[in-house]
Protein backbone atom coordinates (compact mmCIF):
# COMPACT_ATOMS: atom_id res chain seq x y z
CA MET A 1 155.96 135.93 148.28
CA ARG A 2 156.27 132.31 147.23
CA TYR A 3 153.25 131.07 145.38
CA SER A 4 151.68 127.89 146.84
CA LEU A 5 148.37 126.26 147.79
CA MET A 6 148.84 127.66 151.35
CA SER A 7 149.48 131.26 150.12
CA LEU A 8 146.48 131.07 147.88
CA ALA A 9 144.22 129.89 150.70
CA ARG A 10 145.65 132.53 153.08
CA GLU A 11 145.08 135.33 150.57
CA ALA A 12 141.59 133.98 149.85
CA THR A 13 140.56 134.65 153.50
CA LYS A 14 141.77 138.32 152.97
CA GLY A 15 139.84 138.90 149.75
CA HIS A 16 143.13 138.62 147.81
CA ARG A 17 144.24 142.13 148.90
CA GLY A 18 147.71 141.09 150.24
CA TRP A 19 149.44 139.94 147.08
CA PRO A 20 152.60 142.07 146.41
CA GLN A 21 153.60 143.31 142.92
CA ALA A 22 155.18 140.56 140.83
CA TRP A 23 158.17 142.84 140.11
CA ARG A 24 159.31 146.37 140.98
CA SER A 25 159.17 149.47 138.77
CA PRO A 26 162.64 150.95 139.75
CA VAL A 27 164.23 154.18 138.69
CA PRO A 28 167.25 153.49 136.46
CA LYS A 29 170.60 153.57 138.24
CA PRO A 30 173.49 155.60 136.78
CA ARG A 31 175.35 152.38 135.78
CA TYR A 32 174.93 148.64 135.56
CA ASP A 33 177.36 145.85 134.95
CA VAL A 34 175.07 144.45 132.17
CA VAL A 35 172.32 146.21 130.28
CA LEU A 36 169.89 144.11 128.25
CA VAL A 37 167.93 145.86 125.56
CA GLY A 38 164.62 144.14 125.00
CA GLY A 39 162.18 142.98 127.70
CA GLY A 40 160.83 139.99 125.96
CA GLY A 41 161.40 136.31 126.91
CA HIS A 42 165.08 136.22 125.84
CA GLY A 43 166.00 139.40 127.71
CA LEU A 44 164.20 138.38 130.87
CA ALA A 45 165.60 134.81 130.78
CA THR A 46 169.10 136.16 130.20
CA ALA A 47 168.77 138.46 133.23
CA TYR A 48 167.45 135.60 135.37
CA TYR A 49 170.28 133.16 134.45
CA LEU A 50 172.91 135.89 134.83
CA ALA A 51 171.76 136.40 138.42
CA LYS A 52 171.05 132.73 139.28
CA ASN A 53 173.86 130.88 137.43
CA HIS A 54 176.63 133.45 137.41
CA GLY A 55 175.93 135.82 140.32
CA VAL A 56 175.71 138.87 138.12
CA ARG A 57 172.91 140.89 139.73
CA ASN A 58 173.68 144.50 138.82
CA VAL A 59 171.62 144.01 135.61
CA ALA A 60 169.00 146.16 133.91
CA VAL A 61 166.46 145.01 131.37
CA LEU A 62 165.34 147.99 129.27
CA GLU A 63 161.92 147.60 127.46
CA LYS A 64 160.55 150.22 125.11
CA GLY A 65 156.91 149.27 125.83
CA TRP A 66 155.66 146.83 128.39
CA ILE A 67 157.01 143.37 129.49
CA GLY A 68 155.95 140.68 127.00
CA GLY A 69 154.41 143.26 124.60
CA GLY A 70 156.51 142.19 121.66
CA ASN A 71 156.96 138.83 120.03
CA THR A 72 156.74 136.96 123.42
CA GLY A 73 153.12 137.94 123.67
CA ARG A 74 152.43 137.71 119.84
CA ASN A 75 153.21 134.14 118.90
CA THR A 76 151.41 130.75 118.67
CA THR A 77 152.99 129.31 121.88
CA VAL A 78 154.56 126.13 120.31
CA VAL A 79 157.53 124.48 121.95
CA ARG A 80 159.41 121.73 120.12
CA SER A 81 162.88 120.51 119.07
CA ASN A 82 162.20 118.64 115.85
CA TYR A 83 165.07 120.23 113.96
CA LEU A 84 167.37 118.58 111.35
CA PHE A 85 170.94 119.62 112.02
CA PRO A 86 172.85 118.59 115.16
CA GLU A 87 173.63 122.18 116.16
CA SER A 88 169.96 123.21 116.12
CA ALA A 89 168.63 120.01 117.58
CA SER A 90 170.91 120.06 120.59
CA PHE A 91 170.08 123.73 121.33
CA TYR A 92 166.32 123.40 120.98
CA ASP A 93 166.22 120.15 122.87
CA HIS A 94 168.01 121.86 125.73
CA SER A 95 165.28 124.48 125.62
CA VAL A 96 162.51 121.85 125.79
CA ARG A 97 164.28 120.27 128.86
CA LEU A 98 164.41 123.61 130.53
CA TYR A 99 160.71 124.23 129.75
CA GLU A 100 159.82 120.85 131.39
CA GLY A 101 161.06 122.12 134.78
CA LEU A 102 160.36 125.87 134.35
CA SER A 103 157.11 126.12 136.31
CA LYS A 104 158.76 124.56 139.36
CA GLU A 105 162.02 126.57 139.03
CA LEU A 106 160.32 129.91 138.52
CA ASN A 107 157.51 129.15 141.04
CA TYR A 108 155.13 130.22 138.36
CA ASN A 109 152.76 128.10 136.27
CA ILE A 110 153.66 128.47 132.63
CA MET A 111 151.03 125.94 131.66
CA PHE A 112 153.41 123.84 129.64
CA SER A 113 151.38 121.14 127.93
CA GLN A 114 153.38 118.44 126.25
CA ARG A 115 150.52 117.32 124.00
CA GLY A 116 152.70 116.35 121.04
CA MET A 117 153.66 118.07 117.79
CA ILE A 118 152.53 116.41 114.50
CA THR A 119 153.83 117.31 111.07
CA LEU A 120 151.61 115.93 108.31
CA ALA A 121 152.81 114.12 105.14
CA HIS A 122 150.66 114.52 102.00
CA SER A 123 152.58 112.35 99.47
CA ARG A 124 154.99 109.49 99.42
CA HIS A 125 157.74 112.04 98.73
CA ASP A 126 156.80 113.78 102.02
CA LEU A 127 156.92 110.47 103.89
CA GLU A 128 160.34 109.66 102.44
CA ALA A 129 161.65 113.09 103.52
CA GLN A 130 160.11 112.69 106.94
CA ARG A 131 161.72 109.30 107.36
CA ARG A 132 165.10 110.84 106.92
CA TRP A 133 164.07 113.70 109.21
CA VAL A 134 163.01 111.33 111.92
CA ASN A 135 166.20 109.25 111.65
CA ALA A 136 168.30 112.46 111.91
CA MET A 137 166.39 113.57 114.97
CA ARG A 138 166.98 110.17 116.64
CA LEU A 139 170.67 110.34 115.78
CA ASN A 140 170.66 113.73 117.48
CA GLY A 141 168.99 112.31 120.61
CA VAL A 142 165.57 113.93 120.00
CA ASP A 143 162.45 111.82 120.33
CA SER A 144 160.39 111.40 117.17
CA ASP A 145 158.14 108.65 115.65
CA LEU A 146 156.66 108.14 112.20
CA LEU A 147 152.93 107.77 112.07
CA SER A 148 150.91 105.76 109.42
CA ARG A 149 147.70 107.13 108.05
CA GLU A 150 145.74 104.80 110.38
CA GLU A 151 147.83 105.86 113.50
CA LEU A 152 147.36 109.52 112.56
CA ARG A 153 143.59 109.01 112.28
CA GLU A 154 143.60 107.81 115.88
CA GLN A 155 145.58 110.88 117.05
CA VAL A 156 143.77 113.58 114.99
CA PRO A 157 140.35 112.28 113.84
CA GLY A 158 139.20 115.67 112.68
CA LEU A 159 141.51 115.84 109.60
CA ASP A 160 140.13 115.46 106.14
CA TYR A 161 140.92 111.76 105.27
CA SER A 162 138.42 111.58 102.38
CA PRO A 163 139.60 110.52 98.85
CA GLU A 164 138.44 114.00 97.59
CA ALA A 165 140.87 115.83 99.93
CA ARG A 166 142.83 118.49 98.22
CA PHE A 167 145.98 117.44 100.15
CA PRO A 168 145.57 113.70 100.98
CA VAL A 169 146.78 112.81 104.41
CA VAL A 170 149.13 109.78 103.99
CA GLY A 171 151.00 109.90 107.40
CA GLY A 172 153.30 112.09 109.34
CA PHE A 173 155.63 112.16 112.32
CA ILE A 174 155.24 113.26 115.95
CA GLN A 175 157.54 114.67 118.68
CA ARG A 176 155.66 113.65 121.78
CA ARG A 177 157.55 115.99 124.04
CA GLY A 178 156.54 118.98 121.98
CA GLY A 179 153.49 121.06 122.91
CA THR A 180 152.53 124.55 124.00
CA ALA A 181 153.09 126.95 126.87
CA ARG A 182 151.42 130.14 127.97
CA HIS A 183 153.43 132.94 126.32
CA ASP A 184 152.75 135.76 128.71
CA ALA A 185 153.23 133.50 131.75
CA VAL A 186 156.73 132.65 130.51
CA ALA A 187 157.57 136.35 130.37
CA TRP A 188 155.97 137.11 133.72
CA GLY A 189 157.58 134.12 135.43
CA TYR A 190 161.06 135.14 134.33
CA ALA A 191 160.41 138.78 135.22
CA ARG A 192 159.28 137.93 138.67
CA ALA A 193 162.20 135.59 139.33
CA ALA A 194 164.79 137.96 137.96
CA ASP A 195 163.33 140.82 139.97
CA ALA A 196 163.59 138.68 143.16
CA LEU A 197 167.30 138.25 142.44
CA GLY A 198 167.93 141.97 142.29
CA VAL A 199 167.53 142.68 138.50
CA ASP A 200 165.99 146.00 137.56
CA ILE A 201 163.28 145.74 134.93
CA ILE A 202 162.64 149.17 133.41
CA GLN A 203 159.60 149.46 131.21
CA ASN A 204 158.69 152.45 128.97
CA CYS A 205 162.46 153.01 128.39
CA GLU A 206 163.33 153.38 124.66
CA VAL A 207 166.96 153.03 123.65
CA THR A 208 167.90 155.92 121.32
CA GLY A 209 171.68 155.37 120.94
CA PHE A 210 174.96 154.11 122.45
CA ASP A 211 178.17 155.66 123.68
CA VAL A 212 181.18 153.78 122.47
CA ASP A 213 184.86 154.65 123.37
CA ALA A 214 188.25 152.96 122.62
CA ASP A 215 187.45 150.13 125.05
CA GLY A 216 184.02 149.45 123.48
CA VAL A 217 180.51 150.22 124.56
CA CYS A 218 180.27 152.30 127.79
CA ALA A 219 176.72 153.64 127.90
CA VAL A 220 173.19 153.27 126.57
CA ARG A 221 171.22 156.45 125.69
CA THR A 222 167.53 156.07 126.47
CA SER A 223 164.33 158.11 126.79
CA ARG A 224 164.98 158.10 130.53
CA GLY A 225 168.49 159.32 130.41
CA VAL A 226 172.03 157.95 129.82
CA ILE A 227 172.77 154.61 131.55
CA GLY A 228 176.32 153.54 131.96
CA ALA A 229 177.04 149.86 131.01
CA GLY A 230 179.88 147.50 131.41
CA LYS A 231 178.37 145.19 128.78
CA VAL A 232 175.32 145.37 126.55
CA GLY A 233 173.15 142.42 125.34
CA LEU A 234 170.82 142.97 122.31
CA THR A 235 167.66 140.86 122.77
CA ALA A 236 165.22 142.93 120.70
CA ALA A 237 164.13 140.44 117.97
CA GLY A 238 162.84 142.26 114.84
CA HIS A 239 164.26 145.63 116.03
CA SER A 240 167.84 144.25 116.37
CA THR A 241 168.69 145.79 112.94
CA ILE A 242 167.73 149.20 114.19
CA LEU A 243 169.88 148.88 117.25
CA ALA A 244 172.71 147.54 115.19
CA ASP A 245 172.54 150.62 112.89
CA ARG A 246 172.85 152.77 115.98
CA LEU A 247 176.05 150.95 116.90
CA GLY A 248 177.50 151.33 113.42
CA PHE A 249 177.23 147.81 111.95
CA ARG A 250 174.78 145.81 109.81
CA LEU A 251 173.07 142.42 110.53
CA PRO A 252 172.03 139.93 107.99
CA ILE A 253 168.44 140.06 109.12
CA THR A 254 165.23 141.12 107.46
CA PRO A 255 162.14 141.96 109.64
CA TYR A 256 158.78 140.51 108.54
CA ALA A 257 155.41 140.41 110.12
CA LEU A 258 154.26 136.91 111.12
CA GLN A 259 150.48 136.80 111.78
CA ALA A 260 148.46 134.58 114.06
CA PHE A 261 144.77 134.17 114.79
CA VAL A 262 142.44 132.73 117.42
CA SER A 263 138.89 131.46 116.92
CA GLU A 264 135.93 131.75 119.23
CA PRO A 265 136.23 129.22 122.16
CA VAL A 266 134.72 125.81 121.67
CA LYS A 267 134.71 122.51 123.52
CA PRO A 268 137.94 120.37 123.18
CA VAL A 269 138.29 119.22 119.62
CA LEU A 270 142.09 119.11 119.16
CA ASP A 271 144.64 117.81 121.65
CA LYS A 272 147.66 117.99 119.52
CA VAL A 273 149.75 120.65 117.70
CA VAL A 274 149.21 119.94 113.99
CA LEU A 275 151.36 121.40 111.16
CA SER A 276 150.84 120.91 107.37
CA PRO A 277 153.78 122.00 105.27
CA ALA A 278 151.56 121.84 102.21
CA THR A 279 148.95 124.27 103.39
CA GLY A 280 151.44 126.39 105.30
CA VAL A 281 149.21 126.28 108.38
CA TYR A 282 149.62 124.99 111.95
CA LEU A 283 147.18 125.08 114.80
CA SER A 284 146.37 123.97 118.31
CA GLN A 285 143.69 124.53 120.89
CA SER A 286 144.35 126.66 123.89
CA ASP A 287 143.23 126.00 127.53
CA LYS A 288 140.35 128.49 126.93
CA GLY A 289 139.07 126.57 123.99
CA GLU A 290 140.25 128.86 121.17
CA LEU A 291 141.91 127.55 118.19
CA VAL A 292 145.34 129.14 117.87
CA ILE A 293 146.24 129.37 114.16
CA GLY A 294 149.44 130.36 112.43
CA GLY A 295 150.80 130.52 108.84
CA GLY A 296 153.63 131.84 106.76
CA LEU A 297 155.35 135.20 106.79
CA ASP A 298 153.95 138.20 105.08
CA LEU A 299 155.65 138.59 101.67
CA TYR A 300 157.15 142.02 102.35
CA ALA A 301 159.55 143.42 104.94
CA SER A 302 157.73 145.33 107.70
CA TYR A 303 157.83 146.51 111.28
CA ALA A 304 154.08 146.54 111.60
CA GLN A 305 152.47 144.59 114.42
CA ARG A 306 149.10 144.22 112.72
CA GLY A 307 147.23 141.81 110.57
CA ASN A 308 145.72 142.01 107.14
CA LEU A 309 142.79 140.46 105.20
CA PRO A 310 144.78 138.58 102.50
CA THR A 311 146.79 136.62 105.04
CA LEU A 312 143.81 135.91 107.12
CA GLU A 313 141.96 134.54 104.04
CA ALA A 314 144.95 132.39 103.02
CA VAL A 315 145.54 130.90 106.49
CA VAL A 316 141.79 130.22 107.04
CA ALA A 317 141.56 128.56 103.65
CA GLY A 318 144.52 126.32 104.48
CA MET A 319 143.02 125.42 107.89
CA LEU A 320 139.68 124.52 106.31
CA THR A 321 141.52 122.32 103.78
CA MET A 322 142.88 120.41 106.71
CA PHE A 323 139.76 120.58 109.01
CA PRO A 324 136.56 121.12 107.05
CA ALA A 325 134.46 120.75 110.15
CA PHE A 326 135.77 124.19 111.38
CA SER A 327 134.12 126.06 108.53
CA ARG A 328 131.34 127.55 110.72
CA MET A 329 133.63 128.80 113.50
CA ARG A 330 134.17 132.55 113.78
CA MET A 331 137.59 134.27 114.16
CA LEU A 332 138.02 136.19 117.36
CA ARG A 333 141.37 137.99 117.08
CA GLN A 334 144.19 138.68 114.67
CA TRP A 335 147.67 140.06 115.31
CA ALA A 336 151.25 140.10 114.08
CA GLY A 337 154.76 139.91 115.60
CA ILE A 338 157.90 141.26 113.99
CA VAL A 339 160.23 138.34 113.30
CA ASP A 340 163.89 138.63 112.49
CA VAL A 341 164.64 136.44 109.57
CA VAL A 342 168.16 135.18 108.59
CA HIS A 343 168.88 133.68 105.21
CA ASP A 344 169.71 130.15 106.65
CA SER A 345 166.90 130.28 109.21
CA THR A 346 169.34 129.95 112.05
CA PRO A 347 169.82 132.50 114.82
CA VAL A 348 172.65 135.09 115.15
CA PHE A 349 174.18 134.51 118.59
CA GLY A 350 177.54 135.71 119.62
CA PRO A 351 179.75 138.79 120.10
CA ALA A 352 178.99 141.82 117.98
CA PRO A 353 181.58 143.81 116.01
CA VAL A 354 181.55 146.36 118.78
CA LYS A 355 183.44 145.30 121.86
CA GLY A 356 181.27 144.61 124.91
CA VAL A 357 178.06 144.08 122.84
CA TYR A 358 176.50 140.63 122.55
CA LEU A 359 173.91 139.47 120.09
CA ASN A 360 170.79 137.30 120.60
CA CYS A 361 168.60 137.67 117.49
CA GLY A 362 167.68 136.16 114.17
CA TRP A 363 165.31 133.57 115.62
CA GLY A 364 162.76 134.16 112.89
CA THR A 365 159.74 132.08 113.68
CA GLY A 366 161.42 130.09 116.45
CA GLY A 367 162.05 132.63 119.17
CA PHE A 368 159.43 131.52 121.71
CA LYS A 369 160.52 127.95 121.88
CA ALA A 370 164.10 129.01 122.24
CA ILE A 371 163.56 131.41 125.31
CA PRO A 372 164.96 129.25 128.14
CA ALA A 373 167.99 128.00 126.20
CA GLY A 374 168.53 131.44 124.63
CA GLY A 375 168.61 133.03 128.05
CA TRP A 376 170.79 130.30 129.51
CA CYS A 377 173.44 130.55 126.71
CA MET A 378 173.36 134.38 126.49
CA ALA A 379 173.93 134.61 130.25
CA HIS A 380 176.91 132.29 129.85
CA MET A 381 178.30 134.30 126.92
CA ILE A 382 178.03 137.66 128.77
CA ALA A 383 179.41 136.36 132.11
CA LYS A 384 182.34 134.43 130.68
CA ASP A 385 182.90 136.42 127.55
CA GLU A 386 182.82 133.30 125.41
CA PRO A 387 180.10 131.56 123.39
CA HIS A 388 178.28 128.64 125.11
CA PRO A 389 179.06 125.33 123.37
CA LEU A 390 175.40 125.03 122.32
CA THR A 391 175.50 128.30 120.35
CA ALA A 392 179.13 128.28 119.14
CA ALA A 393 178.02 127.60 115.57
CA PHE A 394 175.50 130.45 115.52
CA GLY A 395 177.93 133.39 115.38
CA LEU A 396 178.16 136.05 112.75
CA ASP A 397 181.47 134.61 111.57
CA ARG A 398 179.57 131.65 109.95
CA PHE A 399 178.67 133.96 107.06
CA ALA A 400 182.31 134.73 106.38
CA LYS A 401 183.19 131.02 106.65
CA GLY A 402 180.24 129.80 104.63
CA ALA A 403 179.29 127.48 107.51
CA LEU A 404 175.56 128.12 107.22
CA ILE A 405 172.97 125.95 108.94
CA ASP A 406 170.00 125.78 106.62
CA GLU A 407 167.03 124.98 108.86
CA ALA A 408 164.33 126.45 106.67
CA ALA A 409 162.54 123.08 106.25
CA ALA A 410 162.67 122.29 109.96
CA SER A 411 160.99 125.59 110.76
CA GLY A 412 157.96 123.58 109.50
CA ILE A 413 157.08 126.03 106.77
CA ALA A 414 159.62 127.05 104.12
CA HIS A 415 159.47 130.75 104.79
């Protein structure tokens, strides 16, 4: 059923009892042309674009838990493309452009709000670095503007502009096309659209191993039986290293927990996404009124999807340094996602050492914003057996060549 005002009105007269399931719960087939391991945003987007752009519809998405239960549903929902190097900027800006039309394309409201992304400067040295950053972005074709202290005060009046501020606000820069989207809506929209094109989405299906012969990967072993596969795509974020171990190779990735928090809902007080590299904190306000707050990585490797008190204290202290008026607000929820961090803060995207296996991982803290372009480029790579031009520089071979793309600063926080 296509969602529309007419279908909403029609179902309202029936007590909303006629809505079909958004996607099926099929029994796995004995074999698929493509098996994607990981039912988050990247896996679902890859499946959708394989079917839509390349006509490859005999596809299965295998998810250990439930759709969107991993990092896709455990992030701070920020979408932006304010990256420094041309390779990163072109990729992430393509993702922003796809996000801009995604609600219409998927016939599903992902609540994309281009409210603007502001990065603060707290010293003249910060301003000088940001001036170079903005110029690089403009050369790469990405929108960006420097903001003076007075312009910033008009945009975000709630910041601490007092002379006694621990981190004085002296200016910043904005990407006006940046913003936020509803994370679970992105996953559900892609799942529904992929299912409509014939893709099988199989939940509660853990991958336990792989069968590899002389011609490469030939099957995936799961908790629901052995599934034959012509090609396999790994889109499992922080668990990519575990899957790589089962295939017999290692990835230059370390998994960390990245925590996030939301406050109790309040009336509108913040209509931008604001990031402070000095405090290591970024925040926005959701459509429900909650402040959505993020910070830096935990300091130790982990596969745990839970929060802890020290990180909560550090992030809240940083937020209150920026916005003292929030001191009486109460925190509502705390959680963590497992992020896959690479040494140069650039993803690993390309063919794996095992023939027939393709990698989409290493996004670190940037996986959500990369979902549409990640799926678009992964589908191209699997269908055509060659990297998409936007991701050609992200392959594993860059470590052998020394052609690293150090985007740690452009992640906003030097993790």
